[in-house]
N, C-alpha and C. Protein backbone atom coordinates (compact mmCIF):
# COMPACT_ATOMS: atom_id res chain seq x y z
N MET A 1 33.22 11.99 180.39
CA MET A 1 33.41 12.39 179.00
C MET A 1 34.89 12.43 178.64
N ASN A 2 35.62 11.39 178.95
CA ASN A 2 37.02 11.31 178.63
C ASN A 2 37.82 12.48 179.19
N GLY A 3 37.39 13.00 180.34
CA GLY A 3 38.14 14.07 180.97
C GLY A 3 37.96 15.42 180.34
N LEU A 4 36.96 15.58 179.49
CA LEU A 4 36.78 16.85 178.78
C LEU A 4 36.18 17.90 179.70
N THR A 5 36.71 19.08 179.62
CA THR A 5 36.09 20.23 180.26
C THR A 5 36.15 21.37 179.27
N GLY A 6 35.00 21.92 178.93
CA GLY A 6 34.96 22.99 177.95
C GLY A 6 35.36 22.49 176.57
N ARG A 7 36.01 23.39 175.78
CA ARG A 7 36.43 23.02 174.43
C ARG A 7 37.94 22.84 174.39
N ASN A 8 38.39 21.87 173.63
CA ASN A 8 39.81 21.57 173.54
C ASN A 8 40.22 21.41 172.09
N HIS A 9 41.45 21.83 171.80
CA HIS A 9 42.01 21.62 170.47
C HIS A 9 42.44 20.17 170.30
N LYS A 10 42.17 19.61 169.11
CA LYS A 10 42.61 18.27 168.80
C LYS A 10 43.18 18.25 167.39
N PRO A 11 44.17 17.40 167.11
CA PRO A 11 44.74 17.33 165.76
C PRO A 11 43.75 16.81 164.75
N ALA A 12 44.04 17.10 163.46
CA ALA A 12 43.09 16.79 162.40
C ALA A 12 42.74 15.30 162.32
N HIS A 13 43.69 14.41 162.68
CA HIS A 13 43.44 12.98 162.48
C HIS A 13 42.60 12.35 163.58
N GLU A 14 42.46 13.02 164.72
CA GLU A 14 41.91 12.32 165.88
C GLU A 14 40.52 11.72 165.68
N PRO A 15 39.51 12.48 165.20
CA PRO A 15 38.20 11.84 165.10
C PRO A 15 38.18 10.69 164.11
N PHE A 16 39.06 10.70 163.11
CA PHE A 16 39.10 9.62 162.14
C PHE A 16 39.68 8.36 162.76
N SER A 17 40.68 8.50 163.60
CA SER A 17 41.24 7.31 164.27
C SER A 17 40.22 6.74 165.24
N ARG A 18 39.47 7.61 165.91
CA ARG A 18 38.42 7.14 166.82
C ARG A 18 37.32 6.44 166.02
N PHE A 19 36.94 7.02 164.87
CA PHE A 19 35.93 6.39 164.03
C PHE A 19 36.41 5.03 163.53
N GLU A 20 37.69 4.92 163.19
CA GLU A 20 38.21 3.63 162.73
C GLU A 20 38.03 2.55 163.79
N GLU A 21 38.23 2.90 165.04
CA GLU A 21 38.01 1.95 166.13
C GLU A 21 36.55 1.54 166.21
N TRP A 22 35.65 2.54 166.13
CA TRP A 22 34.22 2.25 166.19
C TRP A 22 33.78 1.39 165.01
N MET A 23 34.26 1.71 163.82
CA MET A 23 33.88 0.94 162.64
C MET A 23 34.37 -0.50 162.76
N GLY A 24 35.57 -0.68 163.26
CA GLY A 24 36.09 -2.04 163.45
C GLY A 24 35.22 -2.85 164.38
N GLU A 25 34.75 -2.25 165.45
CA GLU A 25 33.86 -2.95 166.38
C GLU A 25 32.51 -3.23 165.73
N ALA A 26 32.01 -2.26 164.94
CA ALA A 26 30.72 -2.45 164.26
C ALA A 26 30.79 -3.61 163.27
N GLU A 27 31.91 -3.74 162.57
CA GLU A 27 32.06 -4.82 161.59
C GLU A 27 32.02 -6.19 162.27
N LYS A 28 32.38 -6.24 163.54
CA LYS A 28 32.36 -7.51 164.28
C LYS A 28 30.98 -7.84 164.83
N HIS A 29 30.17 -6.81 165.09
CA HIS A 29 28.93 -7.02 165.84
C HIS A 29 27.65 -6.80 165.03
N GLU A 30 27.68 -5.92 164.02
CA GLU A 30 26.47 -5.67 163.25
C GLU A 30 26.26 -6.77 162.22
N ILE A 31 25.04 -7.27 162.13
CA ILE A 31 24.76 -8.40 161.24
C ILE A 31 24.80 -7.98 159.78
N ASN A 32 24.16 -6.87 159.47
CA ASN A 32 24.05 -6.43 158.08
C ASN A 32 24.57 -5.00 157.92
N ASP A 33 25.43 -4.81 156.93
CA ASP A 33 25.85 -3.49 156.48
C ASP A 33 26.22 -2.52 157.60
N PRO A 34 27.28 -2.79 158.34
CA PRO A 34 27.71 -1.85 159.36
C PRO A 34 28.12 -0.50 158.79
N ASN A 35 28.37 -0.46 157.46
CA ASN A 35 28.76 0.78 156.80
C ASN A 35 27.59 1.52 156.17
N ALA A 36 26.35 1.11 156.47
CA ALA A 36 25.18 1.82 155.95
C ALA A 36 25.01 3.15 156.67
N MET A 37 24.79 4.21 155.90
CA MET A 37 24.62 5.54 156.50
C MET A 37 23.51 6.29 155.79
N CYS A 38 22.86 7.15 156.53
CA CYS A 38 21.77 7.96 155.98
C CYS A 38 22.38 9.25 155.43
N LEU A 39 22.31 9.42 154.12
CA LEU A 39 22.86 10.59 153.46
C LEU A 39 21.76 11.62 153.23
N ALA A 40 21.97 12.83 153.73
CA ALA A 40 20.98 13.90 153.61
C ALA A 40 21.49 14.99 152.69
N THR A 41 20.62 15.41 151.77
CA THR A 41 20.91 16.52 150.86
C THR A 41 19.70 17.44 150.84
N VAL A 42 19.81 18.53 150.08
CA VAL A 42 18.72 19.50 149.99
C VAL A 42 18.41 19.75 148.52
N ASP A 43 17.10 19.77 148.16
CA ASP A 43 16.74 20.00 146.76
C ASP A 43 16.65 21.49 146.45
N ALA A 44 16.25 21.81 145.20
CA ALA A 44 16.25 23.19 144.74
C ALA A 44 15.28 24.07 145.52
N ASP A 45 14.27 23.47 146.14
CA ASP A 45 13.30 24.23 146.93
C ASP A 45 13.70 24.32 148.40
N GLY A 46 14.85 23.77 148.74
CA GLY A 46 15.30 23.81 150.13
C GLY A 46 14.74 22.69 150.99
N ALA A 47 14.04 21.75 150.37
CA ALA A 47 13.47 20.63 151.11
C ALA A 47 14.52 19.52 151.25
N PRO A 48 14.66 18.95 152.43
CA PRO A 48 15.67 17.90 152.62
C PRO A 48 15.24 16.57 152.02
N ASN A 49 16.23 15.82 151.59
CA ASN A 49 16.05 14.45 151.14
C ASN A 49 17.03 13.57 151.91
N ALA A 50 16.63 12.36 152.22
CA ALA A 50 17.52 11.44 152.92
C ALA A 50 17.33 10.04 152.36
N ARG A 51 18.43 9.30 152.27
CA ARG A 51 18.38 7.92 151.78
C ARG A 51 19.60 7.18 152.33
N MET A 52 19.53 5.86 152.32
CA MET A 52 20.64 5.06 152.81
C MET A 52 21.63 4.79 151.67
N VAL A 53 22.91 4.99 151.96
CA VAL A 53 23.98 4.63 151.05
C VAL A 53 25.04 3.87 151.86
N LEU A 54 26.05 3.35 151.17
CA LEU A 54 27.10 2.60 151.86
C LEU A 54 28.39 3.41 151.87
N LEU A 55 28.94 3.56 153.06
CA LEU A 55 30.25 4.18 153.20
C LEU A 55 31.29 3.20 152.67
N LYS A 56 32.09 3.64 151.69
CA LYS A 56 33.02 2.73 151.04
C LYS A 56 34.48 3.05 151.31
N GLY A 57 34.75 4.07 152.06
CA GLY A 57 36.12 4.37 152.41
C GLY A 57 36.20 5.61 153.26
N PHE A 58 37.27 5.74 154.01
CA PHE A 58 37.49 6.94 154.80
C PHE A 58 38.96 7.06 155.15
N ASP A 59 39.40 8.29 155.32
CA ASP A 59 40.75 8.60 155.80
C ASP A 59 40.70 10.01 156.37
N ASP A 60 41.86 10.61 156.62
CA ASP A 60 41.87 11.93 157.22
C ASP A 60 41.26 13.00 156.32
N ASP A 61 41.06 12.68 155.03
CA ASP A 61 40.46 13.65 154.11
C ASP A 61 38.94 13.60 154.11
N GLY A 62 38.35 12.51 154.59
CA GLY A 62 36.91 12.45 154.63
C GLY A 62 36.34 11.07 154.40
N PHE A 63 35.03 11.05 154.10
CA PHE A 63 34.26 9.82 153.99
C PHE A 63 33.73 9.67 152.57
N VAL A 64 33.86 8.48 151.98
CA VAL A 64 33.61 8.29 150.55
C VAL A 64 32.44 7.34 150.31
N PHE A 65 31.58 7.72 149.37
CA PHE A 65 30.52 6.83 148.87
C PHE A 65 30.43 7.01 147.37
N TYR A 66 29.72 6.09 146.70
CA TYR A 66 29.63 6.08 145.24
C TYR A 66 28.17 6.05 144.80
N THR A 67 27.90 6.67 143.65
CA THR A 67 26.53 6.69 143.15
C THR A 67 26.49 7.17 141.70
N ASN A 68 25.30 7.13 141.12
CA ASN A 68 25.04 7.72 139.81
C ASN A 68 24.96 9.24 139.99
N ARG A 69 25.83 9.97 139.34
CA ARG A 69 25.88 11.42 139.53
C ARG A 69 24.72 12.15 138.86
N GLU A 70 23.95 11.44 138.06
CA GLU A 70 22.74 12.03 137.45
C GLU A 70 21.50 11.74 138.27
N SER A 71 21.65 11.04 139.39
CA SER A 71 20.52 10.73 140.26
C SER A 71 20.08 11.98 141.00
N ALA A 72 18.98 11.87 141.76
CA ALA A 72 18.50 13.02 142.53
C ALA A 72 19.56 13.51 143.50
N LYS A 73 20.19 12.60 144.21
CA LYS A 73 21.22 13.03 145.16
C LYS A 73 22.41 13.64 144.44
N GLY A 74 22.76 13.08 143.27
CA GLY A 74 23.87 13.64 142.50
C GLY A 74 23.59 15.07 142.07
N GLN A 75 22.37 15.33 141.61
CA GLN A 75 22.00 16.68 141.20
C GLN A 75 21.98 17.64 142.39
N GLU A 76 21.49 17.16 143.53
CA GLU A 76 21.44 18.00 144.72
C GLU A 76 22.84 18.29 145.26
N LEU A 77 23.72 17.33 145.19
CA LEU A 77 25.09 17.55 145.61
C LEU A 77 25.79 18.55 144.68
N ALA A 78 25.49 18.45 143.39
CA ALA A 78 26.09 19.39 142.44
C ALA A 78 25.60 20.82 142.69
N ALA A 79 24.35 20.95 143.11
CA ALA A 79 23.78 22.29 143.31
C ALA A 79 24.27 22.94 144.59
N THR A 80 24.46 22.16 145.65
CA THR A 80 24.80 22.76 146.94
C THR A 80 26.25 22.54 147.35
N GLY A 81 26.85 21.45 146.90
CA GLY A 81 28.23 21.16 147.27
C GLY A 81 28.42 20.75 148.71
N ALA A 82 27.34 20.34 149.37
CA ALA A 82 27.44 19.96 150.78
C ALA A 82 26.46 18.84 151.07
N ALA A 83 26.75 18.10 152.15
CA ALA A 83 25.87 17.00 152.55
C ALA A 83 26.10 16.68 154.01
N ALA A 84 25.15 15.94 154.56
CA ALA A 84 25.30 15.40 155.91
C ALA A 84 25.03 13.91 155.85
N ALA A 85 25.86 13.13 156.53
CA ALA A 85 25.55 11.73 156.74
C ALA A 85 24.84 11.68 158.08
N GLY A 86 23.51 11.70 157.99
CA GLY A 86 22.71 11.88 159.19
C GLY A 86 23.09 10.95 160.30
N VAL A 87 23.32 9.68 160.00
CA VAL A 87 23.68 8.75 161.08
C VAL A 87 24.23 7.45 160.48
N LEU A 88 25.30 6.95 161.07
CA LEU A 88 25.60 5.53 161.04
C LEU A 88 25.15 5.02 162.40
N HIS A 89 24.14 4.17 162.42
CA HIS A 89 23.54 3.73 163.67
C HIS A 89 23.89 2.26 163.89
N TRP A 90 24.67 2.00 164.93
CA TRP A 90 25.05 0.63 165.28
C TRP A 90 24.24 0.23 166.50
N LYS A 91 23.09 -0.35 166.26
CA LYS A 91 22.15 -0.65 167.34
C LYS A 91 22.73 -1.64 168.34
N SER A 92 23.46 -2.63 167.86
CA SER A 92 24.00 -3.64 168.77
C SER A 92 25.03 -3.05 169.73
N LEU A 93 25.69 -1.98 169.31
CA LEU A 93 26.69 -1.32 170.15
C LEU A 93 26.14 -0.11 170.88
N ARG A 94 24.89 0.24 170.57
CA ARG A 94 24.25 1.42 171.15
C ARG A 94 25.08 2.68 170.91
N ARG A 95 25.44 2.83 169.63
CA ARG A 95 26.24 3.97 169.23
C ARG A 95 25.69 4.58 167.95
N GLN A 96 25.93 5.87 167.78
CA GLN A 96 25.64 6.56 166.54
C GLN A 96 26.82 7.46 166.20
N PHE A 97 27.00 7.66 164.90
CA PHE A 97 28.06 8.55 164.42
C PHE A 97 27.49 9.37 163.28
N ARG A 98 27.74 10.68 163.30
CA ARG A 98 27.25 11.51 162.21
C ARG A 98 28.25 12.61 161.88
N PHE A 99 28.14 13.14 160.66
CA PHE A 99 29.07 14.17 160.21
C PHE A 99 28.43 14.96 159.07
N ARG A 100 28.99 16.13 158.80
CA ARG A 100 28.54 16.93 157.67
C ARG A 100 29.67 17.83 157.21
N GLY A 101 29.56 18.28 155.95
CA GLY A 101 30.60 19.15 155.42
C GLY A 101 30.52 19.26 153.91
N PRO A 102 31.44 19.99 153.31
CA PRO A 102 31.46 20.14 151.85
C PRO A 102 31.79 18.81 151.17
N VAL A 103 31.36 18.72 149.91
CA VAL A 103 31.49 17.48 149.15
C VAL A 103 32.32 17.74 147.90
N GLU A 104 33.18 16.79 147.56
CA GLU A 104 33.94 16.87 146.33
C GLU A 104 33.94 15.50 145.65
N TRP A 105 34.20 15.48 144.35
CA TRP A 105 34.35 14.21 143.65
C TRP A 105 35.67 13.57 144.04
N VAL A 106 35.69 12.25 144.15
CA VAL A 106 36.96 11.56 144.28
C VAL A 106 37.61 11.54 142.90
N SER A 107 38.86 11.16 142.83
CA SER A 107 39.57 11.14 141.55
C SER A 107 38.97 10.09 140.62
N GLU A 108 39.18 10.28 139.33
CA GLU A 108 38.71 9.31 138.35
C GLU A 108 39.34 7.93 138.62
N ALA A 109 40.60 7.93 139.02
CA ALA A 109 41.28 6.66 139.31
C ALA A 109 40.63 5.94 140.48
N GLU A 110 40.26 6.69 141.53
CA GLU A 110 39.59 6.08 142.68
C GLU A 110 38.25 5.48 142.26
N SER A 111 37.50 6.24 141.45
CA SER A 111 36.20 5.74 140.99
C SER A 111 36.37 4.49 140.14
N ASP A 112 37.38 4.50 139.25
CA ASP A 112 37.64 3.33 138.41
C ASP A 112 37.98 2.11 139.25
N ASP A 113 38.85 2.31 140.23
CA ASP A 113 39.28 1.18 141.06
C ASP A 113 38.10 0.57 141.82
N TYR A 114 37.26 1.43 142.39
CA TYR A 114 36.13 0.88 143.13
C TYR A 114 35.14 0.20 142.18
N PHE A 115 34.87 0.81 141.04
CA PHE A 115 33.93 0.21 140.09
C PHE A 115 34.41 -1.18 139.67
N GLU A 116 35.70 -1.33 139.47
CA GLU A 116 36.25 -2.63 139.06
C GLU A 116 36.08 -3.68 140.16
N SER A 117 35.98 -3.23 141.41
CA SER A 117 35.84 -4.18 142.52
C SER A 117 34.42 -4.71 142.67
N ARG A 118 33.46 -4.08 141.99
CA ARG A 118 32.07 -4.50 142.12
C ARG A 118 31.79 -5.77 141.32
N PRO A 119 30.80 -6.57 141.71
CA PRO A 119 30.43 -7.73 140.90
C PRO A 119 30.03 -7.30 139.49
N ARG A 120 30.26 -8.15 138.53
CA ARG A 120 29.99 -7.82 137.13
C ARG A 120 28.53 -7.39 136.93
N ASP A 121 27.59 -8.11 137.56
CA ASP A 121 26.18 -7.76 137.38
C ASP A 121 25.87 -6.36 137.94
N SER A 122 26.56 -5.96 139.01
CA SER A 122 26.36 -4.62 139.54
C SER A 122 26.90 -3.56 138.59
N ARG A 123 28.00 -3.88 137.92
CA ARG A 123 28.56 -2.94 136.94
C ARG A 123 27.62 -2.78 135.75
N ILE A 124 27.04 -3.88 135.30
CA ILE A 124 26.07 -3.80 134.20
C ILE A 124 24.84 -3.02 134.66
N GLY A 125 24.40 -3.25 135.89
CA GLY A 125 23.25 -2.53 136.42
C GLY A 125 23.47 -1.03 136.45
N ALA A 126 24.70 -0.60 136.70
CA ALA A 126 25.00 0.83 136.72
C ALA A 126 24.78 1.46 135.35
N TRP A 127 25.03 0.69 134.29
CA TRP A 127 24.76 1.17 132.93
C TRP A 127 23.27 1.16 132.61
N ALA A 128 22.55 0.18 133.14
CA ALA A 128 21.15 -0.01 132.77
C ALA A 128 20.19 0.91 133.52
N SER A 129 20.56 1.32 134.73
CA SER A 129 19.63 2.08 135.56
C SER A 129 19.75 3.58 135.34
N GLN A 130 18.64 4.21 135.05
CA GLN A 130 18.57 5.68 135.00
C GLN A 130 18.10 6.15 136.37
N GLN A 131 18.99 6.09 137.32
CA GLN A 131 18.65 6.21 138.73
C GLN A 131 17.83 7.46 139.04
N SER A 132 16.78 7.26 139.82
CA SER A 132 15.87 8.30 140.32
C SER A 132 14.85 8.79 139.29
N ARG A 133 14.95 8.33 138.05
CA ARG A 133 13.97 8.77 137.04
C ARG A 133 12.82 7.78 136.94
N PRO A 134 11.67 8.23 136.48
CA PRO A 134 10.50 7.36 136.44
C PRO A 134 10.75 6.09 135.63
N LEU A 135 10.25 4.96 136.13
CA LEU A 135 10.38 3.66 135.48
C LEU A 135 9.00 3.20 135.03
N GLU A 136 8.85 3.00 133.73
CA GLU A 136 7.53 2.66 133.19
C GLU A 136 7.09 1.25 133.57
N SER A 137 8.03 0.33 133.72
CA SER A 137 7.68 -1.03 134.12
C SER A 137 8.95 -1.77 134.53
N ARG A 138 8.77 -2.84 135.32
CA ARG A 138 9.91 -3.66 135.68
C ARG A 138 10.52 -4.30 134.45
N PHE A 139 9.67 -4.62 133.48
CA PHE A 139 10.15 -5.21 132.23
C PHE A 139 11.14 -4.29 131.53
N ALA A 140 10.86 -2.98 131.57
CA ALA A 140 11.75 -2.02 130.92
C ALA A 140 13.15 -2.06 131.54
N LEU A 141 13.21 -2.20 132.86
CA LEU A 141 14.50 -2.29 133.53
C LEU A 141 15.21 -3.59 133.15
N GLU A 142 14.46 -4.69 133.18
CA GLU A 142 15.07 -5.98 132.84
C GLU A 142 15.56 -5.99 131.39
N LYS A 143 14.82 -5.33 130.52
CA LYS A 143 15.23 -5.23 129.11
C LYS A 143 16.53 -4.43 129.00
N ALA A 144 16.60 -3.32 129.74
CA ALA A 144 17.81 -2.49 129.70
C ALA A 144 19.02 -3.26 130.21
N VAL A 145 18.83 -4.06 131.25
CA VAL A 145 19.91 -4.88 131.78
C VAL A 145 20.36 -5.91 130.74
N ALA A 146 19.38 -6.54 130.09
CA ALA A 146 19.71 -7.55 129.07
C ALA A 146 20.48 -6.92 127.90
N LEU A 147 20.08 -5.74 127.49
CA LEU A 147 20.76 -5.06 126.38
C LEU A 147 22.19 -4.70 126.75
N LYS A 148 22.39 -4.22 127.94
CA LYS A 148 23.75 -3.87 128.36
C LYS A 148 24.60 -5.12 128.54
N ALA A 149 24.00 -6.19 129.06
CA ALA A 149 24.74 -7.44 129.21
C ALA A 149 25.19 -7.97 127.85
N ALA A 150 24.31 -7.84 126.85
CA ALA A 150 24.66 -8.28 125.50
C ALA A 150 25.74 -7.38 124.90
N LYS A 151 25.66 -6.10 125.19
CA LYS A 151 26.66 -5.15 124.66
C LYS A 151 28.05 -5.48 125.16
N PHE A 152 28.15 -5.75 126.45
CA PHE A 152 29.47 -6.02 127.02
C PHE A 152 29.85 -7.49 126.96
N ASN A 153 28.85 -8.35 126.71
CA ASN A 153 29.07 -9.78 126.55
C ASN A 153 29.96 -10.30 127.67
N VAL A 154 31.07 -10.90 127.35
CA VAL A 154 31.96 -11.41 128.40
C VAL A 154 33.18 -10.50 128.58
N GLY A 155 33.18 -9.36 127.92
CA GLY A 155 34.33 -8.47 127.97
C GLY A 155 34.30 -7.54 129.17
N HIS A 156 35.19 -6.59 129.14
CA HIS A 156 35.34 -5.61 130.21
C HIS A 156 34.11 -4.71 130.29
N VAL A 157 33.67 -4.42 131.51
CA VAL A 157 32.56 -3.49 131.72
C VAL A 157 33.15 -2.20 132.29
N PRO A 158 33.30 -1.16 131.48
CA PRO A 158 33.92 0.08 131.96
C PRO A 158 32.97 0.86 132.87
N ARG A 159 33.52 1.79 133.60
CA ARG A 159 32.70 2.65 134.46
C ARG A 159 31.95 3.66 133.61
N PRO A 160 30.63 3.80 133.82
CA PRO A 160 29.89 4.83 133.09
C PRO A 160 30.42 6.22 133.43
N PRO A 161 30.43 7.14 132.50
CA PRO A 161 30.98 8.47 132.77
C PRO A 161 30.19 9.25 133.81
N TYR A 162 28.93 8.86 134.04
CA TYR A 162 28.07 9.56 134.99
C TYR A 162 28.07 8.91 136.38
N TRP A 163 28.93 7.93 136.59
CA TRP A 163 28.94 7.18 137.85
C TRP A 163 30.28 7.38 138.53
N GLY A 164 30.27 7.69 139.83
CA GLY A 164 31.54 7.87 140.51
C GLY A 164 31.39 8.15 141.99
N GLY A 165 32.50 8.52 142.60
CA GLY A 165 32.54 8.68 144.04
C GLY A 165 32.50 10.12 144.49
N TYR A 166 32.05 10.28 145.74
CA TYR A 166 32.05 11.57 146.42
C TYR A 166 32.78 11.42 147.74
N ARG A 167 33.44 12.49 148.12
CA ARG A 167 34.09 12.53 149.43
C ARG A 167 33.48 13.68 150.24
N ILE A 168 32.88 13.36 151.37
CA ILE A 168 32.42 14.40 152.29
C ILE A 168 33.58 14.76 153.19
N ARG A 169 33.96 16.03 153.19
CA ARG A 169 35.08 16.50 154.00
C ARG A 169 34.51 17.19 155.23
N PRO A 170 34.41 16.49 156.32
CA PRO A 170 33.60 16.98 157.44
C PRO A 170 34.19 18.21 158.13
N VAL A 171 33.29 19.09 158.52
CA VAL A 171 33.63 20.20 159.40
C VAL A 171 32.92 20.05 160.74
N GLU A 172 32.08 19.02 160.83
CA GLU A 172 31.44 18.69 162.10
C GLU A 172 31.26 17.18 162.18
N ILE A 173 31.61 16.61 163.31
CA ILE A 173 31.51 15.19 163.57
C ILE A 173 30.97 15.00 164.99
N GLU A 174 30.08 14.02 165.15
CA GLU A 174 29.60 13.72 166.50
C GLU A 174 29.62 12.23 166.77
N PHE A 175 30.16 11.88 167.93
CA PHE A 175 30.12 10.52 168.45
C PHE A 175 29.05 10.48 169.55
N TRP A 176 28.13 9.53 169.43
CA TRP A 176 27.00 9.41 170.37
C TRP A 176 27.03 8.01 170.98
N THR A 177 26.98 7.95 172.29
CA THR A 177 26.98 6.66 173.00
C THR A 177 25.80 6.60 173.95
N ASP A 178 25.03 5.53 173.86
CA ASP A 178 23.88 5.35 174.74
C ASP A 178 24.31 5.20 176.20
N LYS A 179 23.59 5.88 177.08
CA LYS A 179 23.84 5.78 178.51
C LYS A 179 22.50 5.61 179.23
N PRO A 180 22.50 5.10 180.47
CA PRO A 180 21.25 4.89 181.20
C PRO A 180 20.46 6.18 181.39
N PHE A 181 19.14 6.02 181.44
CA PHE A 181 18.20 7.10 181.73
C PHE A 181 18.29 8.23 180.70
N ARG A 182 18.68 7.87 179.48
CA ARG A 182 18.79 8.82 178.36
C ARG A 182 19.79 9.94 178.62
N LEU A 183 20.71 9.71 179.53
CA LEU A 183 21.79 10.67 179.78
C LEU A 183 22.99 10.29 178.90
N HIS A 184 22.75 10.35 177.58
CA HIS A 184 23.70 9.85 176.61
C HIS A 184 24.99 10.69 176.57
N GLU A 185 26.05 10.05 176.13
CA GLU A 185 27.32 10.75 175.96
C GLU A 185 27.42 11.24 174.53
N ARG A 186 27.63 12.54 174.37
CA ARG A 186 27.76 13.14 173.05
C ARG A 186 29.06 13.94 173.00
N LEU A 187 29.85 13.66 171.98
CA LEU A 187 31.13 14.32 171.81
C LEU A 187 31.15 14.93 170.40
N ARG A 188 31.28 16.26 170.31
CA ARG A 188 31.21 16.93 169.01
C ARG A 188 32.56 17.56 168.66
N TYR A 189 33.01 17.25 167.44
CA TYR A 189 34.20 17.87 166.89
C TYR A 189 33.77 18.88 165.82
N THR A 190 34.34 20.07 165.84
CA THR A 190 34.04 21.08 164.82
C THR A 190 35.33 21.77 164.37
N ARG A 191 35.31 22.25 163.15
CA ARG A 191 36.42 23.06 162.62
C ARG A 191 35.86 23.98 161.55
N GLU A 192 36.56 25.07 161.27
CA GLU A 192 36.05 26.07 160.33
C GLU A 192 36.15 25.61 158.89
N LYS A 193 37.16 24.81 158.57
CA LYS A 193 37.35 24.33 157.20
C LYS A 193 37.98 22.94 157.24
N PRO A 194 37.85 22.18 156.14
CA PRO A 194 38.32 20.79 156.17
C PRO A 194 39.81 20.63 156.42
N GLU A 195 40.60 21.66 156.20
CA GLU A 195 42.04 21.53 156.39
C GLU A 195 42.47 21.82 157.83
N GLY A 196 41.56 22.29 158.65
CA GLY A 196 41.94 22.75 159.98
C GLY A 196 41.95 21.67 161.04
N ASP A 197 42.48 22.05 162.21
CA ASP A 197 42.41 21.19 163.38
C ASP A 197 41.03 21.32 164.02
N TRP A 198 40.73 20.39 164.88
CA TRP A 198 39.40 20.29 165.46
C TRP A 198 39.32 20.96 166.82
N MET A 199 38.15 21.47 167.12
CA MET A 199 37.76 21.80 168.49
C MET A 199 36.78 20.73 168.93
N VAL A 200 36.92 20.27 170.16
CA VAL A 200 36.05 19.20 170.64
C VAL A 200 35.39 19.63 171.94
N GLU A 201 34.12 19.26 172.08
CA GLU A 201 33.37 19.61 173.28
C GLU A 201 32.32 18.56 173.55
N ALA A 202 31.97 18.41 174.80
CA ALA A 202 30.87 17.54 175.21
C ALA A 202 29.57 18.30 175.07
N LEU A 203 28.49 17.58 174.75
CA LEU A 203 27.16 18.18 174.62
C LEU A 203 26.20 17.57 175.63
N TYR A 204 25.25 18.36 176.07
CA TYR A 204 24.15 17.79 176.85
C TYR A 204 23.42 16.76 175.99
N PRO A 205 22.88 15.71 176.59
CA PRO A 205 22.15 14.71 175.81
C PRO A 205 20.82 15.26 175.27
């Protein structure tokens, strides 16, 4: 376990630099969406919800994804202010990575920059989709897309005010590596608050 015995103090940047190495390897080996992660939230009744989203950025401050803030996950994030990315699972590398912590909005400028990087049709789709709400027919969605496409024509497609990014600021991170006979290697980083340094310890598989 990398020479670990008991719990050790580690600087704030360490798990992120380790994750950067893992993500780089995943981008070389995973066929589809190495940045796909299972995002878990909790609804008003305390029941968990989970869905796949795409990790779109990370640094020492946390992990960033984007979505419609009026969607089910957006409402649940607003109510609890916390989330867990249940797993980024890289099957070809036999690795998993997971984290959880408080959630905050990214800046408006960050959301604008990422929205501008999306394909035009995806930007129009963000205006047309009332994400997570009942859809009466596929035709209704296609009609909404056509109306928004006509509205913006060939001009600029601005970011909808209800669409933007979230940053999960982890207080717990785990690196999981497959080992023979299910004696997997698990390394857990924890800290009391997002600004603090980490404690790291090995876990039984």
